[in-house]
Amino acid sequence: DQSQFVGNLDWICRKNEQRQIKTLFVLEPNSIENEPEVDKFLRLKHEEVRTVAKRYNVPVVEMHDYLQENHQRGFLWWDYVHLTSYGHSVFADRLLEEIEQVIATERQPEGNRQ
């Protein structure tokens, strides 16, 4: 249910703001071999995540697009949704880059943030 999904994301963001917990959304990746209707549904969910993230100023990791753009790097997927150990390594390396970037931005003085 799309409205419940958005409501849950809103709830997470509000609770994290109340507790001063930094939030980061990661867009769920699926294999490029996925069925077009599944990919369409996934992209609709991604749009909802981006909308909520914008409302709360939460960074979003575009992991789905990243893994699709880098599918030639090796055997990333066991099936349409489950990453191989190598796929998890590629995912983790990218996530670490994004987290480091968020931390670096947080440490910059207010006037120097992009």
PDB file of N, CA and C in Angstrom:
ATOM      1  N   ASP A   1       0.851  -1.183   0.000  1.00  0.00           N
ATOM      2  CA  ASP A   1       0.000   0.000   0.000  1.00  0.00           C
ATOM      3  C   ASP A   1       0.895   1.244   0.000  1.00  0.00           C
ATOM      4  N   GLN A   2       0.737   2.024  -1.054  1.00  0.00           N
ATOM      5  CA  GLN A   2       1.592   3.198  -1.258  1.00  0.00           C
ATOM      6  C   GLN A   2       1.460   4.230  -0.133  1.00  0.00           C
ATOM      7  N   SER A   3       0.231   4.503   0.308  1.00  0.00           N
ATOM      8  CA  SER A   3       0.055   5.519   1.354  1.00  0.00           C
ATOM      9  C   SER A   3       0.626   5.040   2.680  1.00  0.00           C
ATOM     10  N   GLN A   4       0.518   3.763   2.960  1.00  0.00           N
ATOM     11  CA  GLN A   4       1.109   3.223   4.193  1.00  0.00           C
ATOM     12  C   GLN A   4       2.636   3.285   4.126  1.00  0.00           C
ATOM     13  N   PHE A   5       3.175   2.993   2.949  1.00  0.00           N
ATOM     14  CA  PHE A   5       4.617   3.070   2.739  1.00  0.00           C
ATOM     15  C   PHE A   5       5.126   4.487   3.025  1.00  0.00           C
ATOM     16  N   VAL A   6       4.470   5.475   2.443  1.00  0.00           N
ATOM     17  CA  VAL A   6       4.850   6.876   2.654  1.00  0.00           C
ATOM     18  C   VAL A   6       4.661   7.261   4.122  1.00  0.00           C
ATOM     19  N   GLY A   7       3.560   6.835   4.720  1.00  0.00           N
ATOM     20  CA  GLY A   7       3.319   7.120   6.130  1.00  0.00           C
ATOM     21  C   GLY A   7       4.406   6.546   7.022  1.00  0.00           C
ATOM     22  N   ASN A   8       4.864   5.353   6.700  1.00  0.00           N
ATOM     23  CA  ASN A   8       5.938   4.734   7.487  1.00  0.00           C
ATOM     24  C   ASN A   8       7.252   5.496   7.334  1.00  0.00           C
ATOM     25  N   LEU A   9       7.551   5.943   6.122  1.00  0.00           N
ATOM     26  CA  LEU A   9       8.762   6.735   5.914  1.00  0.00           C
ATOM     27  C   LEU A   9       8.676   8.058   6.675  1.00  0.00           C
ATOM     28  N   ASP A  10       7.515   8.707   6.623  1.00  0.00           N
ATOM     29  CA  ASP A  10       7.308   9.945   7.385  1.00  0.00           C
ATOM     30  C   ASP A  10       7.524   9.690   8.880  1.00  0.00           C
ATOM     31  N   TRP A  11       6.952   8.608   9.371  1.00  0.00           N
ATOM     32  CA  TRP A  11       7.065   8.274  10.794  1.00  0.00           C
ATOM     33  C   TRP A  11       8.528   8.088  11.187  1.00  0.00           C
ATOM     34  N   ILE A  12       9.281   7.356  10.367  1.00  0.00           N
ATOM     35  CA  ILE A  12      10.709   7.140  10.636  1.00  0.00           C
ATOM     36  C   ILE A  12      11.441   8.476  10.699  1.00  0.00           C
ATOM     37  N   CYS A  13      11.180   9.342   9.735  1.00  0.00           N
ATOM     38  CA  CYS A  13      11.860  10.646   9.699  1.00  0.00           C
ATOM     39  C   CYS A  13      11.498  11.505  10.908  1.00  0.00           C
ATOM     40  N   ARG A  14      10.217  11.539  11.263  1.00  0.00           N
ATOM     41  CA  ARG A  14       9.801  12.339  12.427  1.00  0.00           C
ATOM     42  C   ARG A  14      10.439  11.817  13.713  1.00  0.00           C
ATOM     43  N   LYS A  15      10.399  10.508  13.915  1.00  0.00           N
ATOM     44  CA  LYS A  15      10.986   9.917  15.125  1.00  0.00           C
ATOM     45  C   LYS A  15      12.485  10.168  15.182  1.00  0.00           C
ATOM     46  N   ASN A  16      13.147  10.038  14.049  1.00  0.00           N
ATOM     47  CA  ASN A  16      14.584  10.283  14.027  1.00  0.00           C
ATOM     48  C   ASN A  16      14.911  11.749  14.290  1.00  0.00           C
ATOM     49  N   GLU A  17      14.098  12.653  13.755  1.00  0.00           N
ATOM     50  CA  GLU A  17      14.302  14.078  14.045  1.00  0.00           C
ATOM     51  C   GLU A  17      14.134  14.350  15.530  1.00  0.00           C
ATOM     52  N   GLN A  18      13.094  13.787  16.140  1.00  0.00           N
ATOM     53  CA  GLN A  18      12.847  13.986  17.567  1.00  0.00           C
ATOM     54  C   GLN A  18      14.023  13.497  18.409  1.00  0.00           C
ATOM     55  N   ARG A  19      14.664  12.435  17.974  1.00  0.00           N
ATOM     56  CA  ARG A  19      15.770  11.836  18.723  1.00  0.00           C
ATOM     57  C   ARG A  19      17.134  12.313  18.217  1.00  0.00           C
ATOM     58  N   GLN A  20      17.131  13.235  17.276  1.00  0.00           N
ATOM     59  CA  GLN A  20      18.343  13.773  16.651  1.00  0.00           C
ATOM     60  C   GLN A  20      19.207  12.667  16.050  1.00  0.00           C
ATOM     61  N   ILE A  21      18.548  11.726  15.377  1.00  0.00           N
ATOM     62  CA  ILE A  21      19.216  10.638  14.682  1.00  0.00           C
ATOM     63  C   ILE A  21      19.286  10.992  13.200  1.00  0.00           C
ATOM     64  N   LYS A  22      20.475  10.940  12.638  1.00  0.00           N
ATOM     65  CA  LYS A  22      20.650  11.208  11.210  1.00  0.00           C
ATOM     66  C   LYS A  22      20.038  10.065  10.408  1.00  0.00           C
ATOM     67  N   THR A  23      19.356  10.412   9.326  1.00  0.00           N
ATOM     68  CA  THR A  23      18.688   9.432   8.486  1.00  0.00           C
ATOM     69  C   THR A  23      19.298   9.457   7.097  1.00  0.00           C
ATOM     70  N   LEU A  24      19.391   8.291   6.493  1.00  0.00           N
ATOM     71  CA  LEU A  24      19.878   8.139   5.127  1.00  0.00           C
ATOM     72  C   LEU A  24      19.000   7.077   4.466  1.00  0.00           C
ATOM     73  N   PHE A  25      18.406   7.400   3.325  1.00  0.00           N
ATOM     74  CA  PHE A  25      17.605   6.433   2.583  1.00  0.00           C
ATOM     75  C   PHE A  25      18.457   5.824   1.467  1.00  0.00           C
ATOM     76  N   VAL A  26      18.314   4.526   1.279  1.00  0.00           N
ATOM     77  CA  VAL A  26      18.987   3.809   0.195  1.00  0.00           C
ATOM     78  C   VAL A  26      17.905   3.220  -0.703  1.00  0.00           C
ATOM     79  N   LEU A  27      17.932   3.585  -1.974  1.00  0.00           N
ATOM     80  CA  LEU A  27      16.928   3.065  -2.903  1.00  0.00           C
ATOM     81  C   LEU A  27      17.226   1.604  -3.215  1.00  0.00           C
ATOM     82  N   GLU A  28      16.238   0.770  -2.952  1.00  0.00           N
ATOM     83  CA  GLU A  28      16.354  -0.672  -3.130  1.00  0.00           C
ATOM     84  C   GLU A  28      16.764  -1.008  -4.563  1.00  0.00           C
ATOM     85  N   PRO A  29      17.866  -1.739  -4.714  1.00  0.00           N
ATOM     86  CA  PRO A  29      18.263  -2.133  -6.064  1.00  0.00           C
ATOM     87  C   PRO A  29      17.645  -3.476  -6.457  1.00  0.00           C
ATOM     88  N   ASN A  30      17.404  -3.638  -7.730  1.00  0.00           N
ATOM     89  CA  ASN A  30      17.006  -4.916  -8.327  1.00  0.00           C
ATOM     90  C   ASN A  30      17.839  -5.107  -9.583  1.00  0.00           C
ATOM     91  N   SER A  31      17.935  -6.331 -10.035  1.00  0.00           N
ATOM     92  CA  SER A  31      18.702  -6.665 -11.228  1.00  0.00           C
ATOM     93  C   SER A  31      18.142  -5.960 -12.461  1.00  0.00           C
ATOM     94  N   ILE A  32      19.016  -5.685 -13.411  1.00  0.00           N
ATOM     95  CA  ILE A  32      18.577  -5.080 -14.674  1.00  0.00           C
ATOM     96  C   ILE A  32      17.737  -6.059 -15.479  1.00  0.00           C
ATOM     97  N   GLU A  33      17.763  -7.339 -15.124  1.00  0.00           N
ATOM     98  CA  GLU A  33      17.004  -8.365 -15.837  1.00  0.00           C
ATOM     99  C   GLU A  33      15.575  -8.488 -15.322  1.00  0.00           C
ATOM    100  N   ASN A  34      15.197  -7.627 -14.401  1.00  0.00           N
ATOM    101  CA  ASN A  34      13.861  -7.675 -13.820  1.00  0.00           C
ATOM    102  C   ASN A  34      12.801  -7.384 -14.880  1.00  0.00           C
ATOM    103  N   GLU A  35      11.612  -7.877 -14.629  1.00  0.00           N
ATOM    104  CA  GLU A  35      10.482  -7.641 -15.528  1.00  0.00           C
ATOM    105  C   GLU A  35      10.152  -6.146 -15.571  1.00  0.00           C
ATOM    106  N   PRO A  36       9.744  -5.622 -16.712  1.00  0.00           N
ATOM    107  CA  PRO A  36       9.437  -4.180 -16.833  1.00  0.00           C
ATOM    108  C   PRO A  36       8.394  -3.692 -15.834  1.00  0.00           C
ATOM    109  N   GLU A  37       7.351  -4.487 -15.568  1.00  0.00           N
ATOM    110  CA  GLU A  37       6.323  -4.031 -14.624  1.00  0.00           C
ATOM    111  C   GLU A  37       6.852  -3.989 -13.194  1.00  0.00           C
ATOM    112  N   VAL A  38       7.775  -4.894 -12.862  1.00  0.00           N
ATOM    113  CA  VAL A  38       8.390  -4.871 -11.536  1.00  0.00           C
ATOM    114  C   VAL A  38       9.300  -3.653 -11.420  1.00  0.00           C
ATOM    115  N   ASP A  39      10.055  -3.391 -12.477  1.00  0.00           N
ATOM    116  CA  ASP A  39      10.934  -2.220 -12.490  1.00  0.00           C
ATOM    117  C   ASP A  39      10.118  -0.939 -12.382  1.00  0.00           C
ATOM    118  N   LYS A  40       8.989  -0.879 -13.050  1.00  0.00           N
ATOM    119  CA  LYS A  40       8.119   0.302 -12.976  1.00  0.00           C
ATOM    120  C   LYS A  40       7.610   0.501 -11.548  1.00  0.00           C
ATOM    121  N   PHE A  41       7.161  -0.575 -10.902  1.00  0.00           N
ATOM    122  CA  PHE A  41       6.687  -0.495  -9.513  1.00  0.00           C
ATOM    123  C   PHE A  41       7.810  -0.038  -8.586  1.00  0.00           C
ATOM    124  N   LEU A  42       9.005  -0.592  -8.785  1.00  0.00           N
ATOM    125  CA  LEU A  42      10.145  -0.214  -7.962  1.00  0.00           C
ATOM    126  C   LEU A  42      10.472   1.268  -8.122  1.00  0.00           C
ATOM    127  N   ARG A  43      10.442   1.763  -9.331  1.00  0.00           N
ATOM    128  CA  ARG A  43      10.740   3.181  -9.579  1.00  0.00           C
ATOM    129  C   ARG A  43       9.668   4.095  -8.977  1.00  0.00           C
ATOM    130  N   LEU A  44       8.423   3.645  -8.941  1.00  0.00           N
ATOM    131  CA  LEU A  44       7.377   4.419  -8.262  1.00  0.00           C
ATOM    132  C   LEU A  44       7.673   4.501  -6.760  1.00  0.00           C
ATOM    133  N   LYS A  45       8.089   3.396  -6.168  1.00  0.00           N
ATOM    134  CA  LYS A  45       8.476   3.413  -4.753  1.00  0.00           C
ATOM    135  C   LYS A  45       9.657   4.344  -4.528  1.00  0.00           C
ATOM    136  N   HIS A  46      10.615   4.309  -5.441  1.00  0.00           N
ATOM    137  CA  HIS A  46      11.778   5.187  -5.332  1.00  0.00           C
ATOM    138  C   HIS A  46      11.362   6.654  -5.356  1.00  0.00           C
ATOM    139  N   GLU A  47      10.402   6.994  -6.197  1.00  0.00           N
ATOM    140  CA  GLU A  47       9.911   8.379  -6.249  1.00  0.00           C
ATOM    141  C   GLU A  47       9.283   8.789  -4.918  1.00  0.00           C
ATOM    142  N   GLU A  48       8.543   7.892  -4.309  1.00  0.00           N
ATOM    143  CA  GLU A  48       7.944   8.172  -2.990  1.00  0.00           C
ATOM    144  C   GLU A  48       9.049   8.407  -1.953  1.00  0.00           C
ATOM    145  N   VAL A  49      10.082   7.591  -2.001  1.00  0.00           N
ATOM    146  CA  VAL A  49      11.203   7.758  -1.064  1.00  0.00           C
ATOM    147  C   VAL A  49      11.853   9.116  -1.275  1.00  0.00           C
ATOM    148  N   ARG A  50      12.105   9.483  -2.523  1.00  0.00           N
ATOM    149  CA  ARG A  50      12.718  10.786  -2.817  1.00  0.00           C
ATOM    150  C   ARG A  50      11.850  11.941  -2.325  1.00  0.00           C
ATOM    151  N   THR A  51      10.535  11.817  -2.484  1.00  0.00           N
ATOM    152  CA  THR A  51       9.611  12.869  -2.050  1.00  0.00           C
ATOM    153  C   THR A  51       9.685  13.063  -0.539  1.00  0.00           C
ATOM    154  N   VAL A  52       9.647  11.963   0.199  1.00  0.00           N
ATOM    155  CA  VAL A  52       9.742  12.055   1.660  1.00  0.00           C
ATOM    156  C   VAL A  52      11.115  12.569   2.064  1.00  0.00           C
ATOM    157  N   ALA A  53      12.157  12.089   1.408  1.00  0.00           N
ATOM    158  CA  ALA A  53      13.515  12.533   1.725  1.00  0.00           C
ATOM    159  C   ALA A  53      13.661  14.039   1.539  1.00  0.00           C
ATOM    160  N   LYS A  54      13.088  14.547   0.472  1.00  0.00           N
ATOM    161  CA  LYS A  54      13.158  15.994   0.214  1.00  0.00           C
ATOM    162  C   LYS A  54      12.438  16.771   1.317  1.00  0.00           C
ATOM    163  N   ARG A  55      11.300  16.260   1.748  1.00  0.00           N
ATOM    164  CA  ARG A  55      10.514  16.922   2.789  1.00  0.00           C
ATOM    165  C   ARG A  55      11.294  17.037   4.096  1.00  0.00           C
ATOM    166  N   TYR A  56      12.118  16.053   4.403  1.00  0.00           N
ATOM    167  CA  TYR A  56      12.865  16.033   5.668  1.00  0.00           C
ATOM    168  C   TYR A  56      14.355  16.319   5.485  1.00  0.00           C
ATOM    169  N   ASN A  57      14.755  16.662   4.265  1.00  0.00           N
ATOM    170  CA  ASN A  57      16.164  16.938   3.964  1.00  0.00           C
ATOM    171  C   ASN A  57      17.053  15.725   4.297  1.00  0.00           C
ATOM    172  N   VAL A  58      16.603  14.565   3.864  1.00  0.00           N
ATOM    173  CA  VAL A  58      17.320  13.312   4.102  1.00  0.00           C
ATOM    174  C   VAL A  58      18.079  12.937   2.822  1.00  0.00           C
ATOM    175  N   PRO A  59      19.361  12.623   2.942  1.00  0.00           N
ATOM    176  CA  PRO A  59      20.108  12.186   1.755  1.00  0.00           C
ATOM    177  C   PRO A  59      19.575  10.850   1.233  1.00  0.00           C
ATOM    178  N   VAL A  60      19.671  10.669  -0.083  1.00  0.00           N
ATOM    179  CA  VAL A  60      19.214   9.442  -0.725  1.00  0.00           C
ATOM    180  C   VAL A  60      20.374   8.844  -1.520  1.00  0.00           C
ATOM    181  N   VAL A  61      20.625   7.569  -1.306  1.00  0.00           N
ATOM    182  CA  VAL A  61      21.633   6.847  -2.078  1.00  0.00           C
ATOM    183  C   VAL A  61      20.918   6.182  -3.244  1.00  0.00           C
ATOM    184  N   GLU A  62      21.312   6.542  -4.441  1.00  0.00           N
ATOM    185  CA  GLU A  62      20.700   6.011  -5.665  1.00  0.00           C
ATOM    186  C   GLU A  62      21.330   4.653  -6.004  1.00  0.00           C
ATOM    187  N   MET A  63      21.148   3.677  -5.104  1.00  0.00           N
ATOM    188  CA  MET A  63      21.811   2.382  -5.248  1.00  0.00           C
ATOM    189  C   MET A  63      21.291   1.583  -6.442  1.00  0.00           C
ATOM    190  N   HIS A  64      20.010   1.679  -6.722  1.00  0.00           N
ATOM    191  CA  HIS A  64      19.451   0.935  -7.859  1.00  0.00           C
ATOM    192  C   HIS A  64      20.138   1.351  -9.159  1.00  0.00           C
ATOM    193  N   ASP A  65      20.175   2.637  -9.416  1.00  0.00           N
ATOM    194  CA  ASP A  65      20.808   3.129 -10.643  1.00  0.00           C
ATOM    195  C   ASP A  65      22.303   2.818 -10.655  1.00  0.00           C
ATOM    196  N   TYR A  66      22.951   2.953  -9.507  1.00  0.00           N
ATOM    197  CA  TYR A  66      24.393   2.682  -9.422  1.00  0.00           C
ATOM    198  C   TYR A  66      24.701   1.238  -9.821  1.00  0.00           C
ATOM    199  N   LEU A  67      23.953   0.286  -9.250  1.00  0.00           N
ATOM    200  CA  LEU A  67      24.224  -1.112  -9.573  1.00  0.00           C
ATOM    201  C   LEU A  67      23.836  -1.438 -11.015  1.00  0.00           C
ATOM    202  N   GLN A  68      22.797  -0.801 -11.520  1.00  0.00           N
ATOM    203  CA  GLN A  68      22.452  -1.021 -12.930  1.00  0.00           C
ATOM    204  C   GLN A  68      23.557  -0.494 -13.844  1.00  0.00           C
ATOM    205  N   GLU A  69      24.096   0.667 -13.503  1.00  0.00           N
ATOM    206  CA  GLU A  69      25.162   1.261 -14.319  1.00  0.00           C
ATOM    207  C   GLU A  69      26.456   0.461 -14.228  1.00  0.00           C
ATOM    208  N   ASN A  70      26.618  -0.321 -13.160  1.00  0.00           N
ATOM    209  CA  ASN A  70      27.862  -1.063 -12.929  1.00  0.00           C
ATOM    210  C   ASN A  70      27.682  -2.573 -13.019  1.00  0.00           C
ATOM    211  N   HIS A  71      26.645  -3.019 -13.715  1.00  0.00           N
ATOM    212  CA  HIS A  71      26.374  -4.459 -13.796  1.00  0.00           C
ATOM    213  C   HIS A  71      27.497  -5.238 -14.497  1.00  0.00           C
ATOM    214  N   GLN A  72      28.281  -4.557 -15.315  1.00  0.00           N
ATOM    215  CA  GLN A  72      29.356  -5.221 -16.046  1.00  0.00           C
ATOM    216  C   GLN A  72      30.587  -5.499 -15.180  1.00  0.00           C
ATOM    217  N   ARG A  73      30.595  -5.021 -13.941  1.00  0.00           N
ATOM    218  CA  ARG A  73      31.766  -5.200 -13.075  1.00  0.00           C
ATOM    219  C   ARG A  73      31.968  -6.642 -12.636  1.00  0.00           C
ATOM    220  N   GLY A  74      30.915  -7.430 -12.717  1.00  0.00           N
ATOM    221  CA  GLY A  74      31.038  -8.829 -12.305  1.00  0.00           C
ATOM    222  C   GLY A  74      29.678  -9.417 -12.009  1.00  0.00           C
ATOM    223  N   PHE A  75      29.676 -10.583 -11.408  1.00  0.00           N
ATOM    224  CA  PHE A  75      28.460 -11.323 -11.104  1.00  0.00           C
ATOM    225  C   PHE A  75      27.828 -10.730  -9.848  1.00  0.00           C
ATOM    226  N   LEU A  76      26.893  -9.787 -10.016  1.00  0.00           N
ATOM    227  CA  LEU A  76      26.305  -9.051  -8.893  1.00  0.00           C
ATOM    228  C   LEU A  76      25.080  -9.729  -8.292  1.00  0.00           C
ATOM    229  N   TRP A  77      24.314 -10.450  -9.104  1.00  0.00           N
ATOM    230  CA  TRP A  77      22.998 -10.928  -8.678  1.00  0.00           C
ATOM    231  C   TRP A  77      22.883 -12.447  -8.748  1.00  0.00           C
ATOM    232  N   TRP A  78      22.298 -13.054  -7.682  1.00  0.00           N
ATOM    233  CA  TRP A  78      21.923 -14.466  -7.729  1.00  0.00           C
ATOM    234  C   TRP A  78      20.615 -14.615  -8.502  1.00  0.00           C
ATOM    235  N   ASP A  79      19.730 -13.659  -8.286  1.00  0.00           N
ATOM    236  CA  ASP A  79      18.442 -13.629  -8.974  1.00  0.00           C
ATOM    237  C   ASP A  79      18.066 -12.157  -9.110  1.00  0.00           C
ATOM    238  N   TYR A  80      16.811 -11.845  -9.287  1.00  0.00           N
ATOM    239  CA  TYR A  80      16.405 -10.465  -9.537  1.00  0.00           C
ATOM    240  C   TYR A  80      16.592  -9.533  -8.348  1.00  0.00           C
ATOM    241  N   VAL A  81      16.583 -10.077  -7.134  1.00  0.00           N
ATOM    242  CA  VAL A  81      16.632  -9.212  -5.954  1.00  0.00           C
ATOM    243  C   VAL A  81      17.759  -9.533  -4.974  1.00  0.00           C
ATOM    244  N   HIS A  82      18.410 -10.674  -5.107  1.00  0.00           N
ATOM    245  CA  HIS A  82      19.431 -11.072  -4.136  1.00  0.00           C
ATOM    246  C   HIS A  82      20.828 -10.919  -4.719  1.00  0.00           C
ATOM    247  N   LEU A  83      21.625 -10.126  -4.031  1.00  0.00           N
ATOM    248  CA  LEU A  83      22.998  -9.890  -4.459  1.00  0.00           C
ATOM    249  C   LEU A  83      23.889 -11.080  -4.116  1.00  0.00           C
ATOM    250  N   THR A  84      24.902 -11.293  -4.934  1.00  0.00           N
ATOM    251  CA  THR A  84      25.950 -12.262  -4.613  1.00  0.00           C
ATOM    252  C   THR A  84      26.860 -11.648  -3.556  1.00  0.00           C
ATOM    253  N   SER A  85      27.821 -12.423  -3.063  1.00  0.00           N
ATOM    254  CA  SER A  85      28.775 -11.846  -2.104  1.00  0.00           C
ATOM    255  C   SER A  85      29.551 -10.707  -2.760  1.00  0.00           C
ATOM    256  N   TYR A  86      29.894 -10.864  -4.036  1.00  0.00           N
ATOM    257  CA  TYR A  86      30.565  -9.776  -4.745  1.00  0.00           C
ATOM    258  C   TYR A  86      29.637  -8.571  -4.890  1.00  0.00           C
ATOM    259  N   GLY A  87      28.368  -8.822  -5.191  1.00  0.00           N
ATOM    260  CA  GLY A  87      27.387  -7.742  -5.290  1.00  0.00           C
ATOM    261  C   GLY A  87      27.253  -6.990  -3.976  1.00  0.00           C
ATOM    262  N   HIS A  88      27.260  -7.719  -2.869  1.00  0.00           N
ATOM    263  CA  HIS A  88      27.206  -7.070  -1.556  1.00  0.00           C
ATOM    264  C   HIS A  88      28.452  -6.217  -1.320  1.00  0.00           C
ATOM    265  N   SER A  89      29.586  -6.677  -1.795  1.00  0.00           N
ATOM    266  CA  SER A  89      30.824  -5.903  -1.657  1.00  0.00           C
ATOM    267  C   SER A  89      30.742  -4.592  -2.437  1.00  0.00           C
ATOM    268  N   VAL A  90      30.239  -4.653  -3.673  1.00  0.00           N
ATOM    269  CA  VAL A  90      30.066  -3.442  -4.496  1.00  0.00           C
ATOM    270  C   VAL A  90      29.070  -2.505  -3.818  1.00  0.00           C
ATOM    271  N   PHE A  91      27.968  -3.061  -3.316  1.00  0.00           N
ATOM    272  CA  PHE A  91      26.942  -2.293  -2.609  1.00  0.00           C
ATOM    273  C   PHE A  91      27.562  -1.601  -1.390  1.00  0.00           C
ATOM    274  N   ALA A  92      28.299  -2.365  -0.584  1.00  0.00           N
ATOM    275  CA  ALA A  92      28.882  -1.823   0.647  1.00  0.00           C
ATOM    276  C   ALA A  92      29.904  -0.724   0.357  1.00  0.00           C
ATOM    277  N   ASP A  93      30.730  -0.930  -0.655  1.00  0.00           N
ATOM    278  CA  ASP A  93      31.727   0.096  -1.010  1.00  0.00           C
ATOM    279  C   ASP A  93      31.040   1.403  -1.390  1.00  0.00           C
ATOM    280  N   ARG A  94      29.977   1.301  -2.183  1.00  0.00           N
ATOM    281  CA  ARG A  94      29.241   2.507  -2.598  1.00  0.00           C
ATOM    282  C   ARG A  94      28.553   3.173  -1.410  1.00  0.00           C
ATOM    283  N   LEU A  95      27.950   2.361  -0.551  1.00  0.00           N
ATOM    284  CA  LEU A  95      27.282   2.904   0.626  1.00  0.00           C
ATOM    285  C   LEU A  95      28.278   3.615   1.540  1.00  0.00           C
ATOM    286  N   LEU A  96      29.455   3.032   1.712  1.00  0.00           N
ATOM    287  CA  LEU A  96      30.486   3.676   2.532  1.00  0.00           C
ATOM    288  C   LEU A  96      30.876   5.034   1.954  1.00  0.00           C
ATOM    289  N   GLU A  97      31.033   5.113   0.639  1.00  0.00           N
ATOM    290  CA  GLU A  97      31.344   6.401  -0.003  1.00  0.00           C
ATOM    291  C   GLU A  97      30.277   7.442   0.316  1.00  0.00           C
ATOM    292  N   GLU A  98      29.034   7.033   0.207  1.00  0.00           N
ATOM    293  CA  GLU A  98      27.916   7.953   0.458  1.00  0.00           C
ATOM    294  C   GLU A  98      27.875   8.393   1.918  1.00  0.00           C
ATOM    295  N   ILE A  99      28.082   7.460   2.830  1.00  0.00           N
ATOM    296  CA  ILE A  99      28.068   7.792   4.264  1.00  0.00           C
ATOM    297  C   ILE A  99      29.211   8.745   4.588  1.00  0.00           C
ATOM    298  N   GLU A 100      30.383   8.476   4.038  1.00  0.00           N
ATOM    299  CA  GLU A 100      31.525   9.368   4.268  1.00  0.00           C
ATOM    300  C   GLU A 100      31.243  10.769   3.739  1.00  0.00           C
ATOM    301  N   GLN A 101      30.580  10.857   2.597  1.00  0.00           N
ATOM    302  CA  GLN A 101      30.237  12.155   2.020  1.00  0.00           C
ATOM    303  C   GLN A 101      29.248  12.901   2.919  1.00  0.00           C
ATOM    304  N   VAL A 102      28.260  12.200   3.433  1.00  0.00           N
ATOM    305  CA  VAL A 102      27.286  12.816   4.343  1.00  0.00           C
ATOM    306  C   VAL A 102      27.978  13.319   5.599  1.00  0.00           C
ATOM    307  N   ILE A 103      28.870  12.513   6.156  1.00  0.00           N
ATOM    308  CA  ILE A 103      29.591  12.908   7.374  1.00  0.00           C
ATOM    309  C   ILE A 103      30.458  14.134   7.095  1.00  0.00           C
ATOM    310  N   ALA A 104      31.145  14.140   5.965  1.00  0.00           N
ATOM    311  CA  ALA A 104      31.987  15.284   5.616  1.00  0.00           C
ATOM    312  C   ALA A 104      31.155  16.555   5.463  1.00  0.00           C
ATOM    313  N   THR A 105      29.978  16.431   4.858  1.00  0.00           N
ATOM    314  CA  THR A 105      29.091  17.583   4.689  1.00  0.00           C
ATOM    315  C   THR A 105      28.606  18.087   6.040  1.00  0.00           C
ATOM    316  N   GLU A 106      28.291  17.168   6.941  1.00  0.00           N
ATOM    317  CA  GLU A 106      27.817  17.543   8.279  1.00  0.00           C
ATOM    318  C   GLU A 106      28.890  18.294   9.049  1.00  0.00           C
ATOM    319  N   ARG A 107      30.142  18.003   8.788  1.00  0.00           N
ATOM    320  CA  ARG A 107      31.237  18.629   9.535  1.00  0.00           C
ATOM    321  C   ARG A 107      31.598  20.013   9.005  1.00  0.00           C
ATOM    322  N   GLN A 108      31.131  20.335   7.792  1.00  0.00           N
ATOM    323  CA  GLN A 108      31.430  21.646   7.222  1.00  0.00           C
ATOM    324  C   GLN A 108      30.621  22.716   7.938  1.00  0.00           C
ATOM    325  N   PRO A 109      31.194  23.918   8.078  1.00  0.00           N
ATOM    326  CA  PRO A 109      30.404  25.025   8.638  1.00  0.00           C
ATOM    327  C   PRO A 109      29.192  25.302   7.764  1.00  0.00           C
ATOM    328  N   GLU A 110      28.118  25.783   8.353  1.00  0.00           N
ATOM    329  CA  GLU A 110      26.842  26.041   7.653  1.00  0.00           C
ATOM    330  C   GLU A 110      27.025  26.766   6.322  1.00  0.00           C
ATOM    331  N   GLY A 111      27.807  27.806   6.282  1.00  0.00           N
ATOM    332  CA  GLY A 111      27.975  28.617   5.075  1.00  0.00           C
ATOM    333  C   GLY A 111      28.706  27.921   3.943  1.00  0.00           C
ATOM    334  N   ASN A 112      29.453  26.853   4.240  1.00  0.00           N
ATOM    335  CA  ASN A 112      30.238  26.161   3.222  1.00  0.00           C
ATOM    336  C   ASN A 112      29.569  24.922   2.648  1.00  0.00           C
ATOM    337  N   ARG A 113      28.383  24.583   3.100  1.00  0.00           N
ATOM    338  CA  ARG A 113      27.691  23.377   2.628  1.00  0.00           C
ATOM    339  C   ARG A 113      27.106  23.600   1.243  1.00  0.00           C
ATOM    340  N   GLN A 114      27.173  22.559   0.422  1.00  0.00           N
ATOM    341  CA  GLN A 114      26.631  22.652  -0.944  1.00  0.00           C
ATOM    342  C   GLN A 114      25.251  22.108  -1.010  1.00  0.00           C
TER     343      GLN A 114
END
